[in-house]
C-alpha atoms as a PDB file:
ATOM      1  CA  MET A   1     -36.981 -28.470 -54.461  1.00  0.00           C
ATOM      2  CA  GLU A   2     -35.017 -27.946 -51.258  1.00  0.00           C
ATOM      3  CA  LEU A   3     -33.518 -24.378 -50.954  1.00  0.00           C
ATOM      4  CA  THR A   4     -30.825 -22.706 -48.705  1.00  0.00           C
ATOM      5  CA  PHE A   5     -29.176 -19.512 -48.862  1.00  0.00           C
ATOM      6  CA  GLU A   6     -25.492 -18.495 -49.059  1.00  0.00           C
ATOM      7  CA  THR A   7     -26.024 -15.868 -46.463  1.00  0.00           C
ATOM      8  CA  GLU A   8     -28.344 -14.616 -43.759  1.00  0.00           C
ATOM      9  CA  ASP A   9     -28.937 -11.424 -45.322  1.00  0.00           C
ATOM     10  CA  LEU A  10     -29.399 -13.271 -48.637  1.00  0.00           C
ATOM     11  CA  ARG A  11     -31.859 -15.442 -47.478  1.00  0.00           C
ATOM     12  CA  ASP A  12     -34.210 -12.124 -45.764  1.00  0.00           C
ATOM     13  CA  MET A  13     -33.743 -10.600 -49.018  1.00  0.00           C
ATOM     14  CA  CYS A  14     -35.271 -13.598 -50.721  1.00  0.00           C
ATOM     15  CA  GLU A  15     -38.064 -14.133 -47.950  1.00  0.00           C
ATOM     16  CA  GLN A  16     -38.538 -10.757 -46.855  1.00  0.00           C
ATOM     17  CA  GLU A  17     -40.664  -8.637 -49.721  1.00  0.00           C
ATOM     18  CA  ALA A  18     -40.169  -5.402 -48.035  1.00  0.00           C
ATOM     19  CA  LYS A  19     -36.204  -5.727 -48.154  1.00  0.00           C
ATOM     20  CA  ALA A  20     -36.028  -7.226 -51.501  1.00  0.00           C
ATOM     21  CA  ILE A  21     -37.835  -3.994 -52.697  1.00  0.00           C
ATOM     22  CA  ASN A  22     -35.610  -1.792 -50.557  1.00  0.00           C
ATOM     23  CA  ARG A  23     -32.611  -3.228 -52.169  1.00  0.00           C
ATOM     24  CA  LEU A  24     -33.644  -4.184 -55.405  1.00  0.00           C
ATOM     25  CA  GLY A  25     -36.885  -2.080 -56.162  1.00  0.00           C
ATOM     26  CA  PRO A  26     -39.936  -3.418 -56.816  1.00  0.00           C
ATOM     27  CA  LEU A  27     -39.545  -4.899 -60.776  1.00  0.00           C
ATOM     28  CA  ALA A  28     -36.538  -6.780 -59.334  1.00  0.00           C
ATOM     29  CA  ALA A  29     -38.026  -7.760 -55.938  1.00  0.00           C
ATOM     30  CA  GLU A  30     -41.491  -9.095 -57.687  1.00  0.00           C
ATOM     31  CA  ALA A  31     -39.429 -11.531 -60.258  1.00  0.00           C
ATOM     32  CA  LEU A  32     -37.055 -12.357 -57.074  1.00  0.00           C
ATOM     33  CA  LYS A  33     -39.944 -13.590 -55.344  1.00  0.00           C
ATOM     34  CA  LYS A  34     -41.645 -15.407 -58.276  1.00  0.00           C
ATOM     35  CA  ARG A  35     -38.429 -17.367 -59.580  1.00  0.00           C
ATOM     36  CA  ILE A  36     -37.807 -18.415 -55.944  1.00  0.00           C
ATOM     37  CA  SER A  37     -41.396 -19.646 -55.790  1.00  0.00           C
ATOM     38  CA  ASP A  38     -40.247 -21.294 -59.327  1.00  0.00           C
ATOM     39  CA  ILE A  39     -37.617 -22.937 -57.756  1.00  0.00           C
ATOM     40  CA  ARG A  40     -39.413 -24.765 -54.823  1.00  0.00           C
ATOM     41  CA  VAL A  41     -42.164 -25.913 -56.657  1.00  0.00           C
ATOM     42  CA  ALA A  42     -40.215 -27.863 -59.040  1.00  0.00           C
ATOM     43  CA  GLU A  43     -38.326 -31.298 -58.459  1.00  0.00           C
ATOM     44  CA  TYR A  44     -34.845 -30.268 -60.417  1.00  0.00           C
ATOM     45  CA  VAL A  45     -33.388 -27.245 -61.212  1.00  0.00           C
ATOM     46  CA  ASP A  46     -33.690 -27.922 -64.674  1.00  0.00           C
ATOM     47  CA  GLU A  47     -36.935 -27.762 -64.851  1.00  0.00           C
ATOM     48  CA  VAL A  48     -37.391 -24.242 -64.285  1.00  0.00           C
ATOM     49  CA  LEU A  49     -37.750 -22.690 -67.269  1.00  0.00           C
ATOM     50  CA  ALA A  50     -38.635 -19.123 -66.385  1.00  0.00           C
ATOM     51  CA  GLY A  51     -36.088 -16.250 -66.240  1.00  0.00           C
ATOM     52  CA  GLN A  52     -33.873 -17.157 -69.045  1.00  0.00           C
ATOM     53  CA  PRO A  53     -31.561 -19.942 -66.853  1.00  0.00           C
ATOM     54  CA  ARG A  54     -28.539 -20.631 -68.163  1.00  0.00           C
ATOM     55  CA  ILE A  55     -25.566 -22.475 -66.958  1.00  0.00           C
ATOM     56  CA  ALA A  56     -22.246 -20.557 -66.153  1.00  0.00           C
ATOM     57  CA  GLN A  57     -19.464 -20.523 -63.831  1.00  0.00           C
ATOM     58  CA  LEU A  58     -19.351 -18.296 -60.552  1.00  0.00           C
ATOM     59  CA  ASN A  59     -16.240 -18.108 -58.458  1.00  0.00           C
ATOM     60  CA  GLY A  60     -14.891 -21.847 -60.182  1.00  0.00           C
ATOM     61  CA  THR A  61     -18.395 -23.428 -59.478  1.00  0.00           C
ATOM     62  CA  ASP A  62     -20.983 -24.324 -61.824  1.00  0.00           C
ATOM     63  CA  CYS A  63     -24.328 -22.518 -60.865  1.00  0.00           C
ATOM     64  CA  VAL A  64     -27.391 -21.455 -62.764  1.00  0.00           C
ATOM     65  CA  GLN A  65     -28.462 -17.903 -63.736  1.00  0.00           C
ATOM     66  CA  PHE A  66     -31.969 -16.797 -63.830  1.00  0.00           C
ATOM     67  CA  ASP A  67     -32.440 -13.151 -65.317  1.00  0.00           C
ATOM     68  CA  LEU A  68     -34.705 -10.643 -63.066  1.00  0.00           C
ATOM     69  CA  ALA A  69     -35.693  -7.193 -63.543  1.00  0.00           C
ATOM     70  CA  ASP A  70     -33.261  -4.399 -63.706  1.00  0.00           C
ATOM     71  CA  ASN A  71     -30.036  -6.175 -64.883  1.00  0.00           C
ATOM     72  CA  TYR A  72     -30.105  -8.394 -61.911  1.00  0.00           C
ATOM     73  CA  VAL A  73     -29.237 -12.267 -62.129  1.00  0.00           C
ATOM     74  CA  LEU A  74     -29.905 -14.925 -59.733  1.00  0.00           C
ATOM     75  CA  SER A  75     -27.416 -17.529 -59.212  1.00  0.00           C
ATOM     76  CA  VAL A  76     -27.678 -21.211 -57.626  1.00  0.00           C
ATOM     77  CA  THR A  77     -25.413 -23.366 -57.062  1.00  0.00           C
ATOM     78  CA  ALA A  78     -26.173 -27.679 -56.489  1.00  0.00           C
ATOM     79  CA  ASN A  79     -26.103 -28.484 -52.596  1.00  0.00           C
ATOM     80  CA  HIS A  80     -25.647 -32.125 -52.756  1.00  0.00           C
ATOM     81  CA  ILE A  81     -22.980 -34.128 -51.071  1.00  0.00           C
ATOM     82  CA  PRO A  82     -21.748 -36.132 -53.046  1.00  0.00           C
ATOM     83  CA  PRO A  83     -22.264 -33.472 -56.085  1.00  0.00           C
ATOM     84  CA  ARG A  84     -24.425 -34.806 -58.753  1.00  0.00           C
ATOM     85  CA  VAL A  85     -21.730 -34.621 -61.715  1.00  0.00           C
ATOM     86  CA  ARG A  86     -21.441 -36.449 -64.630  1.00  0.00           C
ATOM     87  CA  SER A  87     -18.791 -38.186 -65.925  1.00  0.00           C
ATOM     88  CA  ASN A  88     -16.548 -35.147 -67.300  1.00  0.00           C
ATOM     89  CA  GLY A  89     -17.276 -33.443 -64.074  1.00  0.00           C
ATOM     90  CA  GLN A  90     -19.941 -30.760 -64.751  1.00  0.00           C
ATOM     91  CA  THR A  91     -22.968 -30.588 -62.429  1.00  0.00           C
ATOM     92  CA  ASP A  92     -25.512 -32.708 -63.829  1.00  0.00           C
ATOM     93  CA  TRP A  93     -28.703 -30.701 -63.613  1.00  0.00           C
ATOM     94  CA  THR A  94     -31.241 -33.251 -64.234  1.00  0.00           C
ATOM     95  CA  ARG A  95     -30.133 -34.500 -60.908  1.00  0.00           C
ATOM     96  CA  VAL A  96     -30.325 -31.558 -58.471  1.00  0.00           C
ATOM     97  CA  ARG A  97     -32.822 -31.506 -56.147  1.00  0.00           C
ATOM     98  CA  ARG A  98     -30.998 -28.963 -53.335  1.00  0.00           C
ATOM     99  CA  VAL A  99     -29.789 -25.594 -54.531  1.00  0.00           C
ATOM    100  CA  LYS A 100     -28.401 -23.074 -53.049  1.00  0.00           C
ATOM    101  CA  VAL A 101     -28.755 -19.256 -53.995  1.00  0.00           C
ATOM    102  CA  THR A 102     -25.335 -17.815 -53.958  1.00  0.00           C
ATOM    103  CA  THR A 103     -25.900 -14.334 -55.446  1.00  0.00           C
ATOM    104  CA  VAL A 104     -28.449 -11.912 -56.717  1.00  0.00           C
ATOM    105  CA  GLU A 105     -26.602  -8.556 -58.274  1.00  0.00           C
ATOM    106  CA  GLN A 106     -26.459  -6.901 -61.147  1.00  0.00           C
END
């Protein structure tokens, strides 16, 4: 799956273990590393089963959230143009192959 990041700082934290440990602590940093790896190897986002994935809303946008450790949550949004949506207007996660990491927060 293709993966982008909302900000450069977020990208650095997700790709550099030392920055993730410094910001999140060792347990959440390790979980983040695993979830990012899981997302990268999946073909579609709905194939990622680790981290108790769930559909949520983030600033009015559909997202998938994954639990990390220490109450941190990783949120990703679809990053397709045009968006992959169902007839009801909701994101069709079974067709999402491009995601953007939008937040990692408690």
